[in-house]
């Protein structure tokens, strides 16, 4: 697990048995980006780490855009823990 913070936004990166999950929290709202544990395949955007998939993206930047939209912030405001920087294809 690794974490990062930027202003009022916190990020947590976890590796589970079958996927990598980056979860953001801001002002009581959450958004999560998940990818298979091998680090390839499309990224899944969810409202929570264990929630239902809302959308899939090939690129990390597109997944970040959607996560930022869920949190009502800009993508550049999202802190990215070092271990999560290589998510996406």
N, C-alpha and C. Protein backbone atom coordinates (compact mmCIF):
# COMPACT_ATOMS: atom_id res chain seq x y z
N UNK A 1 0.84 -1.18 0.00
CA UNK A 1 0.00 0.00 0.00
C UNK A 1 0.88 1.24 0.00
N UNK A 2 0.45 2.24 -0.76
CA UNK A 2 1.11 3.54 -0.71
C UNK A 2 0.04 4.62 -0.80
N UNK A 3 0.36 5.79 -0.31
CA UNK A 3 -0.60 6.88 -0.28
C UNK A 3 0.03 8.17 -0.79
N UNK A 4 -0.84 9.12 -1.12
CA UNK A 4 -0.41 10.46 -1.52
C UNK A 4 -1.55 11.41 -1.19
N UNK A 5 -1.20 12.67 -0.97
CA UNK A 5 -2.21 13.69 -0.69
C UNK A 5 -1.88 14.96 -1.45
N UNK A 6 -2.94 15.67 -1.81
CA UNK A 6 -2.80 16.96 -2.47
C UNK A 6 -4.00 17.80 -2.05
N UNK A 7 -3.75 18.80 -1.25
CA UNK A 7 -4.85 19.61 -0.75
C UNK A 7 -5.83 18.76 0.04
N UNK A 8 -7.07 18.77 -0.37
CA UNK A 8 -8.13 18.02 0.32
C UNK A 8 -8.34 16.62 -0.27
N UNK A 9 -7.50 16.22 -1.21
CA UNK A 9 -7.68 14.93 -1.89
C UNK A 9 -6.62 13.94 -1.40
N UNK A 10 -7.07 12.75 -1.04
CA UNK A 10 -6.13 11.70 -0.66
C UNK A 10 -6.25 10.54 -1.64
N UNK A 11 -5.16 9.84 -1.84
CA UNK A 11 -5.12 8.68 -2.73
C UNK A 11 -4.47 7.52 -2.01
N UNK A 12 -5.00 6.33 -2.27
CA UNK A 12 -4.46 5.11 -1.67
C UNK A 12 -4.34 4.06 -2.77
N UNK A 13 -3.16 3.47 -2.87
CA UNK A 13 -2.90 2.42 -3.86
C UNK A 13 -2.70 1.10 -3.13
N UNK A 14 -3.46 0.07 -3.55
CA UNK A 14 -3.36 -1.26 -2.97
C UNK A 14 -3.21 -2.30 -4.07
N UNK A 15 -2.47 -3.35 -3.78
CA UNK A 15 -2.41 -4.51 -4.67
C UNK A 15 -3.11 -5.65 -3.96
N UNK A 16 -4.16 -6.17 -4.60
CA UNK A 16 -4.93 -7.28 -4.06
C UNK A 16 -4.51 -8.55 -4.79
N UNK A 17 -5.17 -9.66 -4.49
CA UNK A 17 -4.86 -10.93 -5.14
C UNK A 17 -5.00 -10.86 -6.65
N UNK A 18 -6.03 -10.18 -7.14
CA UNK A 18 -6.31 -10.19 -8.57
C UNK A 18 -6.28 -8.83 -9.25
N UNK A 19 -6.09 -7.74 -8.50
CA UNK A 19 -6.06 -6.44 -9.15
C UNK A 19 -5.30 -5.39 -8.33
N UNK A 20 -4.94 -4.35 -9.04
CA UNK A 20 -4.33 -3.15 -8.45
C UNK A 20 -5.45 -2.12 -8.35
N UNK A 21 -5.54 -1.43 -7.23
CA UNK A 21 -6.64 -0.47 -7.04
C UNK A 21 -6.08 0.86 -6.52
N UNK A 22 -6.44 1.93 -7.20
CA UNK A 22 -6.10 3.28 -6.80
C UNK A 22 -7.41 3.97 -6.41
N UNK A 23 -7.53 4.35 -5.15
CA UNK A 23 -8.76 4.95 -4.64
C UNK A 23 -8.50 6.38 -4.21
N UNK A 24 -9.36 7.28 -4.66
CA UNK A 24 -9.28 8.70 -4.29
C UNK A 24 -10.44 9.04 -3.37
N UNK A 25 -10.20 9.98 -2.46
CA UNK A 25 -11.26 10.48 -1.59
C UNK A 25 -11.12 11.98 -1.47
N UNK A 26 -12.26 12.66 -1.61
CA UNK A 26 -12.29 14.12 -1.47
C UNK A 26 -13.67 14.55 -1.04
N UNK A 27 -13.74 15.29 0.02
CA UNK A 27 -15.00 15.88 0.47
C UNK A 27 -16.12 14.85 0.61
N UNK A 28 -15.79 13.68 1.16
CA UNK A 28 -16.78 12.64 1.38
C UNK A 28 -17.13 11.79 0.17
N UNK A 29 -16.54 12.09 -0.97
CA UNK A 29 -16.78 11.32 -2.19
C UNK A 29 -15.58 10.45 -2.49
N UNK A 30 -15.81 9.34 -3.17
CA UNK A 30 -14.72 8.46 -3.56
C UNK A 30 -14.82 8.10 -5.04
N UNK A 31 -13.67 7.72 -5.59
CA UNK A 31 -13.57 7.21 -6.96
C UNK A 31 -12.40 6.24 -6.96
N UNK A 32 -12.52 5.18 -7.73
CA UNK A 32 -11.46 4.17 -7.76
C UNK A 32 -11.15 3.77 -9.20
N UNK A 33 -9.89 3.44 -9.42
CA UNK A 33 -9.43 2.92 -10.71
C UNK A 33 -8.78 1.58 -10.42
N UNK A 34 -9.21 0.54 -11.14
CA UNK A 34 -8.68 -0.81 -10.93
C UNK A 34 -8.12 -1.37 -12.22
N UNK A 35 -7.10 -2.20 -12.08
CA UNK A 35 -6.46 -2.87 -13.21
C UNK A 35 -6.01 -4.25 -12.73
N UNK A 36 -5.90 -5.20 -13.66
CA UNK A 36 -5.49 -6.53 -13.21
C UNK A 36 -4.10 -6.45 -12.59
N UNK A 37 -3.78 -7.41 -11.76
CA UNK A 37 -2.55 -7.39 -10.97
C UNK A 37 -1.29 -7.45 -11.84
N UNK A 38 -1.41 -7.97 -13.06
CA UNK A 38 -0.26 -8.04 -13.96
C UNK A 38 0.05 -6.70 -14.60
N UNK A 39 -0.83 -5.72 -14.45
CA UNK A 39 -0.55 -4.38 -14.96
C UNK A 39 -0.87 -4.18 -16.41
N UNK A 40 -1.66 -5.06 -17.00
CA UNK A 40 -2.13 -4.82 -18.36
C UNK A 40 -3.63 -5.01 -18.36
N UNK A 41 -4.28 -4.70 -19.43
CA UNK A 41 -5.73 -4.75 -19.59
C UNK A 41 -6.31 -3.37 -19.30
N UNK A 42 -7.56 -3.24 -19.63
CA UNK A 42 -8.23 -1.95 -19.48
C UNK A 42 -8.41 -1.60 -18.01
N UNK A 43 -8.46 -0.30 -17.77
CA UNK A 43 -8.68 0.22 -16.42
C UNK A 43 -10.18 0.36 -16.17
N UNK A 44 -10.62 -0.04 -15.00
CA UNK A 44 -12.03 0.05 -14.63
C UNK A 44 -12.20 1.21 -13.65
N UNK A 45 -13.14 2.08 -13.94
CA UNK A 45 -13.46 3.17 -13.02
C UNK A 45 -14.71 2.78 -12.24
N UNK A 46 -14.62 2.97 -10.93
CA UNK A 46 -15.72 2.65 -10.01
C UNK A 46 -15.95 3.82 -9.07
N UNK A 47 -17.10 3.85 -8.45
CA UNK A 47 -17.34 4.91 -7.47
C UNK A 47 -16.66 4.59 -6.14
N UNK A 48 -16.42 3.30 -5.86
CA UNK A 48 -15.66 2.87 -4.68
C UNK A 48 -14.74 1.73 -5.10
N UNK A 49 -13.79 1.38 -4.25
CA UNK A 49 -12.83 0.32 -4.58
C UNK A 49 -13.51 -1.00 -4.88
N UNK A 50 -14.59 -1.31 -4.19
CA UNK A 50 -15.30 -2.57 -4.39
C UNK A 50 -16.63 -2.39 -5.12
N UNK A 51 -16.86 -1.22 -5.65
CA UNK A 51 -18.13 -0.93 -6.32
C UNK A 51 -18.22 -1.52 -7.72
N UNK A 52 -19.37 -1.31 -8.31
CA UNK A 52 -19.60 -1.77 -9.68
C UNK A 52 -18.82 -0.90 -10.67
N UNK A 53 -18.41 -1.53 -11.74
CA UNK A 53 -17.68 -0.83 -12.80
C UNK A 53 -18.61 0.18 -13.48
N UNK A 54 -18.11 1.40 -13.63
CA UNK A 54 -18.87 2.44 -14.32
C UNK A 54 -18.46 2.55 -15.79
N UNK A 55 -17.16 2.38 -16.03
CA UNK A 55 -16.62 2.53 -17.39
C UNK A 55 -15.24 1.89 -17.45
N UNK A 56 -14.78 1.55 -18.68
CA UNK A 56 -13.43 1.03 -18.89
C UNK A 56 -12.68 1.93 -19.84
N UNK A 57 -11.36 2.05 -19.60
CA UNK A 57 -10.51 2.89 -20.44
C UNK A 57 -9.19 2.19 -20.70
N UNK A 58 -8.61 2.44 -21.87
CA UNK A 58 -7.27 1.94 -22.18
C UNK A 58 -6.21 2.79 -21.50
N UNK A 59 -6.42 4.10 -21.47
CA UNK A 59 -5.41 5.01 -20.95
C UNK A 59 -5.65 5.47 -19.53
N UNK A 60 -4.58 5.59 -18.78
CA UNK A 60 -4.64 6.06 -17.41
C UNK A 60 -5.19 7.48 -17.35
N UNK A 61 -4.80 8.32 -18.33
CA UNK A 61 -5.27 9.70 -18.33
C UNK A 61 -6.79 9.80 -18.47
N UNK A 62 -7.38 8.94 -19.28
CA UNK A 62 -8.84 8.94 -19.44
C UNK A 62 -9.53 8.45 -18.16
N UNK A 63 -8.96 7.45 -17.52
CA UNK A 63 -9.50 6.95 -16.26
C UNK A 63 -9.40 8.03 -15.18
N UNK A 64 -8.29 8.75 -15.16
CA UNK A 64 -8.13 9.85 -14.19
C UNK A 64 -9.15 10.96 -14.44
N UNK A 65 -9.42 11.26 -15.72
CA UNK A 65 -10.43 12.27 -16.05
C UNK A 65 -11.79 11.88 -15.45
N UNK A 66 -12.16 10.61 -15.61
CA UNK A 66 -13.44 10.15 -15.09
C UNK A 66 -13.46 10.17 -13.56
N UNK A 67 -12.38 9.72 -12.94
CA UNK A 67 -12.29 9.75 -11.47
C UNK A 67 -12.40 11.18 -10.96
N UNK A 68 -11.73 12.11 -11.61
CA UNK A 68 -11.79 13.52 -11.21
C UNK A 68 -13.22 14.05 -11.34
N UNK A 69 -13.90 13.65 -12.40
CA UNK A 69 -15.29 14.07 -12.59
C UNK A 69 -16.17 13.57 -11.45
N UNK A 70 -15.96 12.34 -11.02
CA UNK A 70 -16.73 11.79 -9.90
C UNK A 70 -16.50 12.56 -8.61
N UNK A 71 -15.30 13.13 -8.47
CA UNK A 71 -14.95 13.88 -7.26
C UNK A 71 -15.20 15.37 -7.39
N UNK A 72 -15.59 15.81 -8.59
CA UNK A 72 -15.81 17.24 -8.88
C UNK A 72 -14.52 18.06 -8.70
N UNK A 73 -13.41 17.50 -9.20
CA UNK A 73 -12.12 18.20 -9.19
C UNK A 73 -11.52 18.09 -10.59
N UNK A 74 -10.40 18.73 -10.81
CA UNK A 74 -9.71 18.59 -12.09
C UNK A 74 -8.71 17.44 -11.99
N UNK A 75 -8.43 16.78 -13.11
CA UNK A 75 -7.47 15.66 -13.08
C UNK A 75 -6.10 16.05 -12.51
N UNK A 76 -5.67 17.28 -12.76
CA UNK A 76 -4.36 17.70 -12.27
C UNK A 76 -4.31 17.81 -10.74
N UNK A 77 -5.45 17.84 -10.09
CA UNK A 77 -5.50 17.90 -8.63
C UNK A 77 -5.34 16.53 -7.98
N UNK A 78 -5.48 15.46 -8.75
CA UNK A 78 -5.41 14.11 -8.18
C UNK A 78 -3.98 13.72 -7.86
N UNK A 79 -3.69 13.39 -6.61
CA UNK A 79 -2.34 12.92 -6.27
C UNK A 79 -2.20 11.46 -6.69
N UNK A 80 -1.05 11.11 -7.24
CA UNK A 80 -0.82 9.74 -7.71
C UNK A 80 0.34 9.14 -6.89
N UNK A 81 0.05 8.13 -6.07
CA UNK A 81 1.14 7.45 -5.35
C UNK A 81 2.14 6.87 -6.36
N UNK A 82 3.39 6.85 -6.01
CA UNK A 82 4.45 6.41 -6.93
C UNK A 82 4.17 5.03 -7.51
N UNK A 83 3.70 4.09 -6.70
CA UNK A 83 3.45 2.73 -7.16
C UNK A 83 2.35 2.64 -8.22
N UNK A 84 1.50 3.65 -8.30
CA UNK A 84 0.38 3.65 -9.25
C UNK A 84 0.69 4.38 -10.53
N UNK A 85 1.83 5.01 -10.63
CA UNK A 85 2.16 5.85 -11.78
C UNK A 85 2.21 5.09 -13.10
N UNK A 86 2.40 3.77 -13.06
CA UNK A 86 2.51 3.00 -14.30
C UNK A 86 1.22 2.29 -14.70
N UNK A 87 0.10 2.67 -14.10
CA UNK A 87 -1.17 2.04 -14.48
C UNK A 87 -1.57 2.48 -15.89
N UNK A 88 -2.26 1.64 -16.58
CA UNK A 88 -2.69 1.94 -17.95
C UNK A 88 -1.84 1.23 -18.96
N UNK A 89 -2.30 1.27 -20.21
CA UNK A 89 -1.58 0.57 -21.29
C UNK A 89 -0.76 1.54 -22.09
